[in-house]
């Protein structure tokens, strides 16, 4: 398990879900080389989809930024060695009408 090796950046997961994320990351790193971040992400995402239901997203890499909307209690961001892992269950916002979208876009483009 990565408990002692993982550096936690941020999480709002309950302890059991957090432990599952760390355990699956450990298994993924046993199965795949650190040069295969897409395979690591795919493994973790598919297992979380299987265990906790669909809608999970996983990003693995060494250099990336993010700004995501997630379900409450379904977010973890941690590092293991040189790799950073971001795992979250996506959350859809309120649907916007097409005219609202266009008006907002016009305001941004005019400025």
Protein backbone atom coordinates (compact mmCIF):
# COMPACT_ATOMS: atom_id res chain seq x y z
CA UNK A 1 0.00 0.00 0.00
CA UNK A 2 1.13 3.56 -0.69
CA UNK A 3 -0.08 5.05 2.61
CA UNK A 4 3.44 5.99 3.72
CA UNK A 5 4.75 6.77 0.24
CA UNK A 6 1.87 8.85 -1.09
CA UNK A 7 1.91 12.60 -0.56
CA UNK A 8 -1.67 13.80 -0.22
CA UNK A 9 -2.39 17.16 -1.87
CA UNK A 10 -6.14 17.25 -1.28
CA UNK A 11 -9.07 14.92 -0.74
CA UNK A 12 -12.64 14.98 0.46
CA UNK A 13 -13.06 11.18 0.28
CA UNK A 14 -14.04 9.07 3.25
CA UNK A 15 -11.23 6.94 4.63
CA UNK A 16 -12.34 3.66 2.99
CA UNK A 17 -12.61 5.24 -0.47
CA UNK A 18 -9.25 6.97 0.03
CA UNK A 19 -7.70 3.61 0.98
CA UNK A 20 -9.20 2.05 -2.17
CA UNK A 21 -7.67 4.82 -4.30
CA UNK A 22 -4.24 4.33 -2.76
CA UNK A 23 -4.48 0.54 -3.02
CA UNK A 24 -5.50 0.67 -6.68
CA UNK A 25 -2.73 3.15 -7.45
CA UNK A 26 -0.27 0.74 -5.83
CA UNK A 27 -1.61 -2.17 -7.92
CA UNK A 28 -1.47 -0.05 -11.08
CA UNK A 29 2.15 0.87 -10.38
CA UNK A 30 2.94 -2.82 -9.89
CA UNK A 31 1.35 -3.64 -13.27
CA UNK A 32 2.55 -0.69 -15.34
CA UNK A 33 5.73 1.33 -15.66
CA UNK A 34 5.68 5.00 -14.62
CA UNK A 35 6.24 5.80 -18.31
CA UNK A 36 2.69 4.50 -19.00
CA UNK A 37 0.50 7.09 -17.24
CA UNK A 38 -2.48 6.45 -19.53
CA UNK A 39 -2.49 2.75 -18.63
CA UNK A 40 -2.25 3.61 -14.93
CA UNK A 41 -5.14 6.08 -15.23
CA UNK A 42 -7.25 3.58 -17.21
CA UNK A 43 -6.71 0.87 -14.59
CA UNK A 44 -7.66 3.12 -11.64
CA UNK A 45 -10.66 4.65 -13.44
CA UNK A 46 -12.11 1.31 -14.55
CA UNK A 47 -11.77 -0.18 -11.07
CA UNK A 48 -13.43 2.85 -9.44
CA UNK A 49 -16.24 2.67 -12.03
CA UNK A 50 -16.70 -1.01 -11.15
CA UNK A 51 -16.63 -0.49 -7.38
CA UNK A 52 -18.36 2.89 -7.00
CA UNK A 53 -20.42 3.24 -10.20
CA UNK A 54 -19.65 4.98 -13.48
CA UNK A 55 -18.59 8.57 -13.98
CA UNK A 56 -15.06 8.50 -12.54
CA UNK A 57 -12.23 10.40 -14.21
CA UNK A 58 -8.53 9.80 -13.60
CA UNK A 59 -5.55 11.89 -14.68
CA UNK A 60 -2.00 10.63 -14.15
CA UNK A 61 1.15 12.49 -15.08
CA UNK A 62 4.09 14.60 -14.04
CA UNK A 63 3.03 18.06 -15.20
CA UNK A 64 -0.59 19.12 -15.53
CA UNK A 65 -3.02 21.67 -14.20
CA UNK A 66 -6.67 21.07 -13.50
CA UNK A 67 -9.87 22.82 -12.57
CA UNK A 68 -12.73 20.33 -12.25
CA UNK A 69 -16.24 20.06 -10.90
CA UNK A 70 -16.72 16.93 -8.84
CA UNK A 71 -19.29 15.22 -6.66
CA UNK A 72 -18.89 15.89 -2.96
CA UNK A 73 -16.83 13.18 -1.26
CA UNK A 74 -15.43 11.94 -4.58
CA UNK A 75 -12.12 13.77 -5.07
CA UNK A 76 -8.52 12.82 -4.36
CA UNK A 77 -5.26 14.36 -5.55
CA UNK A 78 -1.96 12.79 -4.48
CA UNK A 79 1.58 12.10 -5.63
CA UNK A 80 3.64 8.94 -5.61
CA UNK A 81 7.26 9.55 -6.50
CA UNK A 82 7.31 11.58 -9.72
CA UNK A 83 3.67 10.82 -10.64
CA UNK A 84 0.65 12.83 -9.62
CA UNK A 85 -2.77 11.19 -9.59
CA UNK A 86 -6.06 13.04 -9.75
CA UNK A 87 -9.19 10.93 -9.33
CA UNK A 88 -12.71 12.31 -9.14
CA UNK A 89 -16.31 11.57 -9.99
CA UNK A 90 -17.62 14.23 -12.35
CA UNK A 91 -20.55 16.43 -11.46
CA UNK A 92 -22.74 18.13 -14.02
CA UNK A 93 -23.76 21.70 -13.32
CA UNK A 94 -27.13 23.22 -14.06
CA UNK A 95 -27.95 23.01 -17.75
CA UNK A 96 -27.72 26.38 -19.50
CA UNK A 97 -29.97 27.49 -22.30
CA UNK A 98 -28.38 28.07 -25.69
CA UNK A 99 -29.11 31.82 -25.58
CA UNK A 100 -27.40 32.08 -22.17
CA UNK A 101 -24.35 30.33 -23.59
CA UNK A 102 -24.17 32.66 -26.58
CA UNK A 103 -24.68 35.79 -24.49
CA UNK A 104 -21.90 34.74 -22.13
CA UNK A 105 -19.59 33.97 -25.04
CA UNK A 106 -20.33 37.35 -26.63
CA UNK A 107 -19.42 39.12 -23.37
CA UNK A 108 -16.12 37.28 -23.16
CA UNK A 109 -15.18 37.88 -26.80
CA UNK A 110 -16.06 41.60 -26.71
CA UNK A 111 -13.82 42.34 -23.72
